[in-house]
Amino acid sequence: KRAVQTGQAQMGEVLISIHENEDPIFGLDVVPFVATSFP
C-alpha cells in the first residue's frame, strides 16, 4: 500500500485489514461474526 502511495508502483492489491492501525474502517470486515456469509 505504501509503495503505491509513494509512486513506487502504480497499482497494488492488499488484504486491507492489515492496515487497520491506520484507520479502523480498514478492519471492519475481520470483526468476528459481523458478516459470515458471502451475501
PDB file of all heavy atoms in Angstrom:
ATOM      1  N   LYS A   1       0.830  -1.207   0.000  1.00  0.00           N
ATOM      2  CA  LYS A   1       0.000   0.000   0.000  1.00  0.00           C
ATOM      3  C   LYS A   1       0.864   1.257   0.000  1.00  0.00           C
ATOM      4  O   LYS A   1       0.626   2.198  -0.771  1.00  0.00           O
ATOM      5  CB  LYS A   1      -0.944  -0.014   1.207  1.00  0.00           C
ATOM      6  CG  LYS A   1      -1.859   1.197   1.317  1.00  0.00           C
ATOM      7  CD  LYS A   1      -2.900   0.974   2.403  1.00  0.00           C
ATOM      8  CE  LYS A   1      -3.676   2.247   2.689  1.00  0.00           C
ATOM      9  NZ  LYS A   1      -2.840   3.271   3.366  1.00  0.00           N
ATOM     10  N   ARG A   2       1.867   1.275   0.844  1.00  0.00           N
ATOM     11  CA  ARG A   2       2.759   2.433   0.907  1.00  0.00           C
ATOM     12  C   ARG A   2       3.515   2.621  -0.404  1.00  0.00           C
ATOM     13  O   ARG A   2       3.740   3.763  -0.842  1.00  0.00           O
ATOM     14  CB  ARG A   2       3.746   2.255   2.072  1.00  0.00           C
ATOM     15  CG  ARG A   2       4.673   3.447   2.291  1.00  0.00           C
ATOM     16  CD  ARG A   2       3.906   4.687   2.696  1.00  0.00           C
ATOM     17  NE  ARG A   2       4.783   5.836   2.908  1.00  0.00           N
ATOM     18  CZ  ARG A   2       4.348   7.073   3.070  1.00  0.00           C
ATOM     19  NH1 ARG A   2       3.047   7.333   3.049  1.00  0.00           N
ATOM     20  NH2 ARG A   2       5.191   8.063   3.262  1.00  0.00           N
ATOM     21  N   ALA A   3       3.881   1.520  -1.035  1.00  0.00           N
ATOM     22  CA  ALA A   3       4.594   1.601  -2.316  1.00  0.00           C
ATOM     23  C   ALA A   3       3.748   2.287  -3.379  1.00  0.00           C
ATOM     24  O   ALA A   3       4.239   3.093  -4.174  1.00  0.00           O
ATOM     25  CB  ALA A   3       5.005   0.205  -2.777  1.00  0.00           C
ATOM     26  N   VAL A   4       2.444   1.993  -3.383  1.00  0.00           N
ATOM     27  CA  VAL A   4       1.557   2.636  -4.357  1.00  0.00           C
ATOM     28  C   VAL A   4       1.324   4.101  -3.973  1.00  0.00           C
ATOM     29  O   VAL A   4       1.296   4.984  -4.840  1.00  0.00           O
ATOM     30  CB  VAL A   4       0.226   1.866  -4.470  1.00  0.00           C
ATOM     31  CG1 VAL A   4      -0.695   2.541  -5.491  1.00  0.00           C
ATOM     32  CG2 VAL A   4       0.484   0.418  -4.885  1.00  0.00           C
ATOM     33  N   GLN A   5       1.189   4.373  -2.693  1.00  0.00           N
ATOM     34  CA  GLN A   5       1.017   5.761  -2.247  1.00  0.00           C
ATOM     35  C   GLN A   5       2.195   6.641  -2.674  1.00  0.00           C
ATOM     36  O   GLN A   5       2.012   7.794  -3.067  1.00  0.00           O
ATOM     37  CB  GLN A   5       0.892   5.820  -0.719  1.00  0.00           C
ATOM     38  CG  GLN A   5      -0.434   5.345  -0.172  1.00  0.00           C
ATOM     39  CD  GLN A   5      -0.473   5.394   1.343  1.00  0.00           C
ATOM     40  OE1 GLN A   5      -0.560   4.374   2.009  1.00  0.00           O
ATOM     41  NE2 GLN A   5      -0.408   6.575   1.905  1.00  0.00           N
ATOM     42  N   THR A   6       3.402   6.094  -2.586  1.00  0.00           N
ATOM     43  CA  THR A   6       4.606   6.882  -2.863  1.00  0.00           C
ATOM     44  C   THR A   6       5.065   6.790  -4.316  1.00  0.00           C
ATOM     45  O   THR A   6       6.097   7.353  -4.676  1.00  0.00           O
ATOM     46  CB  THR A   6       5.753   6.432  -1.947  1.00  0.00           C
ATOM     47  OG1 THR A   6       5.980   5.030  -2.109  1.00  0.00           O
ATOM     48  CG2 THR A   6       5.427   6.716  -0.486  1.00  0.00           C
ATOM     49  N   GLY A   7       4.298   6.071  -5.154  1.00  0.00           N
ATOM     50  CA  GLY A   7       4.629   6.008  -6.569  1.00  0.00           C
ATOM     51  C   GLY A   7       5.691   5.001  -6.942  1.00  0.00           C
ATOM     52  O   GLY A   7       6.193   5.018  -8.062  1.00  0.00           O
ATOM     53  N   GLN A   8       6.034   4.092  -6.020  1.00  0.00           N
ATOM     54  CA  GLN A   8       6.995   3.041  -6.364  1.00  0.00           C
ATOM     55  C   GLN A   8       6.350   1.949  -7.210  1.00  0.00           C
ATOM     56  O   GLN A   8       7.042   1.169  -7.864  1.00  0.00           O
ATOM     57  CB  GLN A   8       7.587   2.443  -5.092  1.00  0.00           C
ATOM     58  CG  GLN A   8       8.399   3.449  -4.281  1.00  0.00           C
ATOM     59  CD  GLN A   8       8.789   2.859  -2.947  1.00  0.00           C
ATOM     60  OE1 GLN A   8       9.631   1.971  -2.887  1.00  0.00           O
ATOM     61  NE2 GLN A   8       8.183   3.339  -1.885  1.00  0.00           N
ATOM     62  N   ALA A   9       5.039   1.869  -7.167  1.00  0.00           N
ATOM     63  CA  ALA A   9       4.236   1.028  -8.053  1.00  0.00           C
ATOM     64  C   ALA A   9       2.962   1.803  -8.332  1.00  0.00           C
ATOM     65  O   ALA A   9       2.530   2.614  -7.505  1.00  0.00           O
ATOM     66  CB  ALA A   9       3.920  -0.324  -7.405  1.00  0.00           C
ATOM     67  N   GLN A  10       2.370   1.589  -9.497  1.00  0.00           N
ATOM     68  CA  GLN A  10       1.176   2.367  -9.831  1.00  0.00           C
ATOM     69  C   GLN A  10      -0.094   1.762  -9.274  1.00  0.00           C
ATOM     70  O   GLN A  10      -1.050   2.485  -8.977  1.00  0.00           O
ATOM     71  CB  GLN A  10       1.053   2.510 -11.358  1.00  0.00           C
ATOM     72  CG  GLN A  10       2.146   3.325 -11.995  1.00  0.00           C
ATOM     73  CD  GLN A  10       3.317   2.434 -12.427  1.00  0.00           C
ATOM     74  OE1 GLN A  10       3.395   1.259 -12.057  1.00  0.00           O
ATOM     75  NE2 GLN A  10       4.223   3.007 -13.212  1.00  0.00           N
ATOM     76  N   MET A  11      -0.149   0.446  -9.179  1.00  0.00           N
ATOM     77  CA  MET A  11      -1.309  -0.250  -8.637  1.00  0.00           C
ATOM     78  C   MET A  11      -0.843  -1.242  -7.588  1.00  0.00           C
ATOM     79  O   MET A  11       0.341  -1.611  -7.549  1.00  0.00           O
ATOM     80  CB  MET A  11      -2.068  -1.004  -9.738  1.00  0.00           C
ATOM     81  CG  MET A  11      -2.879  -0.146 -10.679  1.00  0.00           C
ATOM     82  SD  MET A  11      -3.793  -1.205 -11.856  1.00  0.00           S
ATOM     83  CE  MET A  11      -4.680   0.057 -12.776  1.00  0.00           C
ATOM     84  N   GLY A  12      -1.785  -1.710  -6.771  1.00  0.00           N
ATOM     85  CA  GLY A  12      -1.461  -2.739  -5.801  1.00  0.00           C
ATOM     86  C   GLY A  12      -2.716  -3.401  -5.299  1.00  0.00           C
ATOM     87  O   GLY A  12      -3.823  -2.867  -5.417  1.00  0.00           O
ATOM     88  N   GLU A  13      -2.537  -4.606  -4.745  1.00  0.00           N
ATOM     89  CA  GLU A  13      -3.634  -5.323  -4.107  1.00  0.00           C
ATOM     90  C   GLU A  13      -3.180  -5.744  -2.718  1.00  0.00           C
ATOM     91  O   GLU A  13      -2.082  -6.282  -2.556  1.00  0.00           O
ATOM     92  CB  GLU A  13      -4.013  -6.569  -4.904  1.00  0.00           C
ATOM     93  CG  GLU A  13      -5.178  -7.334  -4.280  1.00  0.00           C
ATOM     94  CD  GLU A  13      -5.179  -8.813  -4.606  1.00  0.00           C
ATOM     95  OE1 GLU A  13      -4.122  -9.471  -4.460  1.00  0.00           O
ATOM     96  OE2 GLU A  13      -6.245  -9.320  -4.980  1.00  0.00           O
ATOM     97  N   VAL A  14      -4.015  -5.482  -1.707  1.00  0.00           N
ATOM     98  CA  VAL A  14      -3.668  -5.874  -0.343  1.00  0.00           C
ATOM     99  C   VAL A  14      -4.893  -6.398   0.395  1.00  0.00           C
ATOM    100  O   VAL A  14      -6.031  -6.048   0.068  1.00  0.00           O
ATOM    101  CB  VAL A  14      -3.071  -4.709   0.486  1.00  0.00           C
ATOM    102  CG1 VAL A  14      -1.803  -4.184  -0.136  1.00  0.00           C
ATOM    103  CG2 VAL A  14      -4.083  -3.603   0.687  1.00  0.00           C
ATOM    104  N   LEU A  15      -4.630  -7.228   1.388  1.00  0.00           N
ATOM    105  CA  LEU A  15      -5.630  -7.577   2.382  1.00  0.00           C
ATOM    106  C   LEU A  15      -5.778  -6.347   3.261  1.00  0.00           C
ATOM    107  O   LEU A  15      -4.906  -6.038   4.073  1.00  0.00           O
ATOM    108  CB  LEU A  15      -5.165  -8.781   3.202  1.00  0.00           C
ATOM    109  CG  LEU A  15      -6.093  -9.248   4.310  1.00  0.00           C
ATOM    110  CD1 LEU A  15      -7.338  -9.912   3.727  1.00  0.00           C
ATOM    111  CD2 LEU A  15      -5.364 -10.205   5.242  1.00  0.00           C
ATOM    112  N   ILE A  16      -6.862  -5.620   3.089  1.00  0.00           N
ATOM    113  CA  ILE A  16      -6.939  -4.272   3.656  1.00  0.00           C
ATOM    114  C   ILE A  16      -6.898  -4.267   5.185  1.00  0.00           C
ATOM    115  O   ILE A  16      -6.454  -3.290   5.803  1.00  0.00           O
ATOM    116  CB  ILE A  16      -8.191  -3.530   3.129  1.00  0.00           C
ATOM    117  CG1 ILE A  16      -8.097  -2.035   3.422  1.00  0.00           C
ATOM    118  CG2 ILE A  16      -9.452  -4.161   3.654  1.00  0.00           C
ATOM    119  CD1 ILE A  16      -6.866  -1.344   2.841  1.00  0.00           C
ATOM    120  N   SER A  17      -7.294  -5.351   5.819  1.00  0.00           N
ATOM    121  CA  SER A  17      -7.320  -5.364   7.281  1.00  0.00           C
ATOM    122  C   SER A  17      -5.934  -5.292   7.911  1.00  0.00           C
ATOM    123  O   SER A  17      -5.814  -4.955   9.091  1.00  0.00           O
ATOM    124  CB  SER A  17      -8.051  -6.606   7.796  1.00  0.00           C
ATOM    125  OG  SER A  17      -7.368  -7.790   7.439  1.00  0.00           O
ATOM    126  N   ILE A  18      -4.883  -5.567   7.138  1.00  0.00           N
ATOM    127  CA  ILE A  18      -3.544  -5.454   7.728  1.00  0.00           C
ATOM    128  C   ILE A  18      -3.184  -3.994   7.999  1.00  0.00           C
ATOM    129  O   ILE A  18      -2.199  -3.714   8.680  1.00  0.00           O
ATOM    130  CB  ILE A  18      -2.450  -6.133   6.868  1.00  0.00           C
ATOM    131  CG1 ILE A  18      -2.236  -5.402   5.552  1.00  0.00           C
ATOM    132  CG2 ILE A  18      -2.767  -7.594   6.644  1.00  0.00           C
ATOM    133  CD1 ILE A  18      -1.079  -5.980   4.723  1.00  0.00           C
ATOM    134  N   HIS A  19      -4.010  -3.082   7.496  1.00  0.00           N
ATOM    135  CA  HIS A  19      -3.770  -1.648   7.717  1.00  0.00           C
ATOM    136  C   HIS A  19      -4.782  -1.037   8.689  1.00  0.00           C
ATOM    137  O   HIS A  19      -4.982   0.181   8.695  1.00  0.00           O
ATOM    138  CB  HIS A  19      -3.783  -0.910   6.383  1.00  0.00           C
ATOM    139  CG  HIS A  19      -2.675  -1.331   5.466  1.00  0.00           C
ATOM    140  ND1 HIS A  19      -1.351  -1.067   5.731  1.00  0.00           N
ATOM    141  CD2 HIS A  19      -2.698  -2.048   4.305  1.00  0.00           C
ATOM    142  CE1 HIS A  19      -0.599  -1.581   4.767  1.00  0.00           C
ATOM    143  NE2 HIS A  19      -1.391  -2.178   3.896  1.00  0.00           N
ATOM    144  N   GLU A  20      -5.385  -1.861   9.531  1.00  0.00           N
ATOM    145  CA  GLU A  20      -6.369  -1.353  10.480  1.00  0.00           C
ATOM    146  C   GLU A  20      -5.771  -0.341  11.446  1.00  0.00           C
ATOM    147  O   GLU A  20      -6.480   0.543  11.949  1.00  0.00           O
ATOM    148  CB  GLU A  20      -6.998  -2.504  11.264  1.00  0.00           C
ATOM    149  CG  GLU A  20      -8.110  -2.062  12.197  1.00  0.00           C
ATOM    150  CD  GLU A  20      -8.785  -3.199  12.934  1.00  0.00           C
ATOM    151  OE1 GLU A  20      -8.506  -4.374  12.610  1.00  0.00           O
ATOM    152  OE2 GLU A  20      -9.590  -2.920  13.834  1.00  0.00           O
ATOM    153  N   ASN A  21      -4.467  -0.431  11.697  1.00  0.00           N
ATOM    154  CA  ASN A  21      -3.836   0.542  12.594  1.00  0.00           C
ATOM    155  C   ASN A  21      -3.897   1.964  12.035  1.00  0.00           C
ATOM    156  O   ASN A  21      -3.824   2.934  12.782  1.00  0.00           O
ATOM    157  CB  ASN A  21      -2.379   0.158  12.863  1.00  0.00           C
ATOM    158  CG  ASN A  21      -2.262  -0.929  13.916  1.00  0.00           C
ATOM    159  OD1 ASN A  21      -3.071  -0.989  14.840  1.00  0.00           O
ATOM    160  ND2 ASN A  21      -1.274  -1.794  13.776  1.00  0.00           N
ATOM    161  N   GLU A  22      -4.035   2.088  10.700  1.00  0.00           N
ATOM    162  CA  GLU A  22      -4.146   3.409  10.084  1.00  0.00           C
ATOM    163  C   GLU A  22      -5.539   4.003  10.302  1.00  0.00           C
ATOM    164  O   GLU A  22      -5.682   5.213  10.483  1.00  0.00           O
ATOM    165  CB  GLU A  22      -3.880   3.320   8.578  1.00  0.00           C
ATOM    166  CG  GLU A  22      -2.479   2.888   8.213  1.00  0.00           C
ATOM    167  CD  GLU A  22      -2.325   2.766   6.702  1.00  0.00           C
ATOM    168  OE1 GLU A  22      -3.140   3.360   5.969  1.00  0.00           O
ATOM    169  OE2 GLU A  22      -1.396   2.079   6.261  1.00  0.00           O
ATOM    170  N   ASP A  23      -6.553   3.130  10.228  1.00  0.00           N
ATOM    171  CA  ASP A  23      -7.929   3.581  10.382  1.00  0.00           C
ATOM    172  C   ASP A  23      -8.796   2.354  10.665  1.00  0.00           C
ATOM    173  O   ASP A  23      -8.687   1.352   9.952  1.00  0.00           O
ATOM    174  CB  ASP A  23      -8.418   4.263   9.100  1.00  0.00           C
ATOM    175  CG  ASP A  23      -9.714   5.039   9.301  1.00  0.00           C
ATOM    176  OD1 ASP A  23     -10.713   4.409   9.717  1.00  0.00           O
ATOM    177  OD2 ASP A  23      -9.729   6.254   9.054  1.00  0.00           O
ATOM    178  N   PRO A  24      -9.655   2.414  11.690  1.00  0.00           N
ATOM    179  CA  PRO A  24     -10.490   1.249  11.999  1.00  0.00           C
ATOM    180  C   PRO A  24     -11.348   0.781  10.823  1.00  0.00           C
ATOM    181  O   PRO A  24     -11.677  -0.405  10.750  1.00  0.00           O
ATOM    182  CB  PRO A  24     -11.377   1.754  13.149  1.00  0.00           C
ATOM    183  CG  PRO A  24     -10.599   2.848  13.784  1.00  0.00           C
ATOM    184  CD  PRO A  24      -9.849   3.511  12.653  1.00  0.00           C
ATOM    185  N   ILE A  25     -11.687   1.692   9.903  1.00  0.00           N
ATOM    186  CA  ILE A  25     -12.553   1.313   8.788  1.00  0.00           C
ATOM    187  C   ILE A  25     -11.942   0.188   7.966  1.00  0.00           C
ATOM    188  O   ILE A  25     -12.646  -0.624   7.371  1.00  0.00           O
ATOM    189  CB  ILE A  25     -12.858   2.541   7.886  1.00  0.00           C
ATOM    190  CG1 ILE A  25     -13.990   2.208   6.904  1.00  0.00           C
ATOM    191  CG2 ILE A  25     -11.630   3.012   7.141  1.00  0.00           C
ATOM    192  CD1 ILE A  25     -15.292   1.858   7.567  1.00  0.00           C
ATOM    193  N   PHE A  26     -10.614   0.093   7.945  1.00  0.00           N
ATOM    194  CA  PHE A  26      -9.949  -0.958   7.183  1.00  0.00           C
ATOM    195  C   PHE A  26     -10.102  -2.336   7.835  1.00  0.00           C
ATOM    196  O   PHE A  26      -9.827  -3.350   7.203  1.00  0.00           O
ATOM    197  CB  PHE A  26      -8.460  -0.651   7.023  1.00  0.00           C
ATOM    198  CG  PHE A  26      -8.150   0.524   6.128  1.00  0.00           C
ATOM    199  CD1 PHE A  26      -7.009   1.282   6.338  1.00  0.00           C
ATOM    200  CD2 PHE A  26      -8.980   0.871   5.078  1.00  0.00           C
ATOM    201  CE1 PHE A  26      -6.693   2.365   5.515  1.00  0.00           C
ATOM    202  CE2 PHE A  26      -8.694   1.952   4.250  1.00  0.00           C
ATOM    203  CZ  PHE A  26      -7.548   2.701   4.474  1.00  0.00           C
ATOM    204  N   GLY A  27     -10.530  -2.377   9.098  1.00  0.00           N
ATOM    205  CA  GLY A  27     -10.613  -3.650   9.803  1.00  0.00           C
ATOM    206  C   GLY A  27     -12.015  -4.156  10.065  1.00  0.00           C
ATOM    207  O   GLY A  27     -12.185  -5.196  10.714  1.00  0.00           O
ATOM    208  N   LEU A  28     -13.014  -3.487   9.548  1.00  0.00           N
ATOM    209  CA  LEU A  28     -14.395  -3.872   9.855  1.00  0.00           C
ATOM    210  C   LEU A  28     -14.726  -5.270   9.372  1.00  0.00           C
ATOM    211  O   LEU A  28     -15.437  -6.016  10.050  1.00  0.00           O
ATOM    212  CB  LEU A  28     -15.373  -2.860   9.259  1.00  0.00           C
ATOM    213  CG  LEU A  28     -16.861  -3.164   9.437  1.00  0.00           C
ATOM    214  CD1 LEU A  28     -17.208  -3.373  10.907  1.00  0.00           C
ATOM    215  CD2 LEU A  28     -17.715  -2.054   8.843  1.00  0.00           C
ATOM    216  N   ASP A  29     -14.229  -5.649   8.209  1.00  0.00           N
ATOM    217  CA  ASP A  29     -14.637  -6.954   7.661  1.00  0.00           C
ATOM    218  C   ASP A  29     -13.997  -8.138   8.381  1.00  0.00           C
ATOM    219  O   ASP A  29     -14.338  -9.287   8.100  1.00  0.00           O
ATOM    220  CB  ASP A  29     -14.377  -7.028   6.146  1.00  0.00           C
ATOM    221  CG  ASP A  29     -12.922  -6.846   5.768  1.00  0.00           C
ATOM    222  OD1 ASP A  29     -12.060  -6.856   6.662  1.00  0.00           O
ATOM    223  OD2 ASP A  29     -12.630  -6.699   4.562  1.00  0.00           O
ATOM    224  N   VAL A  30     -13.070  -7.899   9.322  1.00  0.00           N
ATOM    225  CA  VAL A  30     -12.485  -9.002  10.078  1.00  0.00           C
ATOM    226  C   VAL A  30     -12.915  -8.984  11.543  1.00  0.00           C
ATOM    227  O   VAL A  30     -12.334  -9.673  12.379  1.00  0.00           O
ATOM    228  CB  VAL A  30     -10.940  -9.023   9.972  1.00  0.00           C
ATOM    229  CG1 VAL A  30     -10.513  -9.269   8.536  1.00  0.00           C
ATOM    230  CG2 VAL A  30     -10.322  -7.733  10.497  1.00  0.00           C
ATOM    231  N   VAL A  31     -13.943  -8.210  11.854  1.00  0.00           N
ATOM    232  CA  VAL A  31     -14.536  -8.298  13.189  1.00  0.00           C
ATOM    233  C   VAL A  31     -15.376  -9.577  13.211  1.00  0.00           C
ATOM    234  O   VAL A  31     -16.302  -9.723  12.409  1.00  0.00           O
ATOM    235  CB  VAL A  31     -15.409  -7.073  13.507  1.00  0.00           C
ATOM    236  CG1 VAL A  31     -16.051  -7.230  14.879  1.00  0.00           C
ATOM    237  CG2 VAL A  31     -14.576  -5.796  13.452  1.00  0.00           C
ATOM    238  N   PRO A  32     -15.046 -10.530  14.079  1.00  0.00           N
ATOM    239  CA  PRO A  32     -15.702 -11.842  14.018  1.00  0.00           C
ATOM    240  C   PRO A  32     -17.221 -11.788  14.118  1.00  0.00           C
ATOM    241  O   PRO A  32     -17.779 -11.080  14.948  1.00  0.00           O
ATOM    242  CB  PRO A  32     -15.110 -12.582  15.226  1.00  0.00           C
ATOM    243  CG  PRO A  32     -13.787 -11.946  15.441  1.00  0.00           C
ATOM    244  CD  PRO A  32     -13.991 -10.499  15.107  1.00  0.00           C
ATOM    245  N   PHE A  33     -17.854 -12.531  13.209  1.00  0.00           N
ATOM    246  CA  PHE A  33     -19.292 -12.793  13.212  1.00  0.00           C
ATOM    247  C   PHE A  33     -20.157 -11.579  12.883  1.00  0.00           C
ATOM    248  O   PHE A  33     -21.373 -11.639  13.036  1.00  0.00           O
ATOM    249  CB  PHE A  33     -19.736 -13.435  14.532  1.00  0.00           C
ATOM    250  CG  PHE A  33     -18.956 -14.682  14.841  1.00  0.00           C
ATOM    251  CD1 PHE A  33     -18.027 -14.691  15.871  1.00  0.00           C
ATOM    252  CD2 PHE A  33     -19.113 -15.818  14.072  1.00  0.00           C
ATOM    253  CE1 PHE A  33     -17.269 -15.822  16.129  1.00  0.00           C
ATOM    254  CE2 PHE A  33     -18.367 -16.961  14.334  1.00  0.00           C
ATOM    255  CZ  PHE A  33     -17.443 -16.965  15.369  1.00  0.00           C
ATOM    256  N   VAL A  34     -19.551 -10.499  12.394  1.00  0.00           N
ATOM    257  CA  VAL A  34     -20.358  -9.388  11.873  1.00  0.00           C
ATOM    258  C   VAL A  34     -20.952  -9.790  10.528  1.00  0.00           C
ATOM    259  O   VAL A  34     -22.140  -9.591  10.264  1.00  0.00           O
ATOM    260  CB  VAL A  34     -19.516  -8.103  11.747  1.00  0.00           C
ATOM    261  CG1 VAL A  34     -20.295  -7.029  10.987  1.00  0.00           C
ATOM    262  CG2 VAL A  34     -19.126  -7.589  13.126  1.00  0.00           C
ATOM    263  N   ALA A  35     -20.122 -10.373   9.656  1.00  0.00           N
ATOM    264  CA  ALA A  35     -20.588 -10.874   8.356  1.00  0.00           C
ATOM    265  C   ALA A  35     -19.912 -12.213   8.110  1.00  0.00           C
ATOM    266  O   ALA A  35     -18.685 -12.279   7.991  1.00  0.00           O
ATOM    267  CB  ALA A  35     -20.249  -9.886   7.248  1.00  0.00           C
ATOM    268  N   THR A  36     -20.704 -13.284   8.033  1.00  0.00           N
ATOM    269  CA  THR A  36     -20.119 -14.631   7.960  1.00  0.00           C
ATOM    270  C   THR A  36     -20.498 -15.389   6.686  1.00  0.00           C
ATOM    271  O   THR A  36     -20.056 -16.511   6.492  1.00  0.00           O
ATOM    272  CB  THR A  36     -20.555 -15.457   9.177  1.00  0.00           C
ATOM    273  OG1 THR A  36     -21.985 -15.574   9.181  1.00  0.00           O
ATOM    274  CG2 THR A  36     -20.101 -14.801  10.470  1.00  0.00           C
ATOM    275  N   SER A  37     -21.308 -14.787   5.835  1.00  0.00           N
ATOM    276  CA  SER A  37     -21.674 -15.410   4.557  1.00  0.00           C
ATOM    277  C   SER A  37     -21.354 -14.426   3.442  1.00  0.00           C
ATOM    278  O   SER A  37     -21.188 -13.225   3.685  1.00  0.00           O
ATOM    279  CB  SER A  37     -23.164 -15.764   4.535  1.00  0.00           C
ATOM    280  OG  SER A  37     -23.953 -14.570   4.523  1.00  0.00           O
ATOM    281  N   PHE A  38     -21.292 -14.916   2.221  1.00  0.00           N
ATOM    282  CA  PHE A  38     -20.990 -14.020   1.109  1.00  0.00           C
ATOM    283  C   PHE A  38     -22.080 -12.949   0.921  1.00  0.00           C
ATOM    284  O   PHE A  38     -21.749 -11.776   0.697  1.00  0.00           O
ATOM    285  CB  PHE A  38     -20.768 -14.815  -0.179  1.00  0.00           C
ATOM    286  CG  PHE A  38     -19.452 -15.537  -0.197  1.00  0.00           C
ATOM    287  CD1 PHE A  38     -19.400 -16.920  -0.064  1.00  0.00           C
ATOM    288  CD2 PHE A  38     -18.251 -14.849  -0.326  1.00  0.00           C
ATOM    289  CE1 PHE A  38     -18.188 -17.590  -0.070  1.00  0.00           C
ATOM    290  CE2 PHE A  38     -17.036 -15.512  -0.333  1.00  0.00           C
ATOM    291  CZ  PHE A  38     -17.000 -16.893  -0.199  1.00  0.00           C
ATOM    292  N   PRO A  39     -23.370 -13.282   1.026  1.00  0.00           N
ATOM    293  CA  PRO A  39     -24.377 -12.211   0.929  1.00  0.00           C
ATOM    294  C   PRO A  39     -24.207 -11.155   2.021  1.00  0.00           C
ATOM    295  O   PRO A  39     -24.346  -9.951   1.760  1.00  0.00           O
ATOM    296  CB  PRO A  39     -25.707 -12.968   1.076  1.00  0.00           C
ATOM    297  CG  PRO A  39     -25.411 -14.334   0.568  1.00  0.00           C
ATOM    298  CD  PRO A  39     -24.009 -14.619   1.031  1.00  0.00           C
TER     299      PRO A  39
END
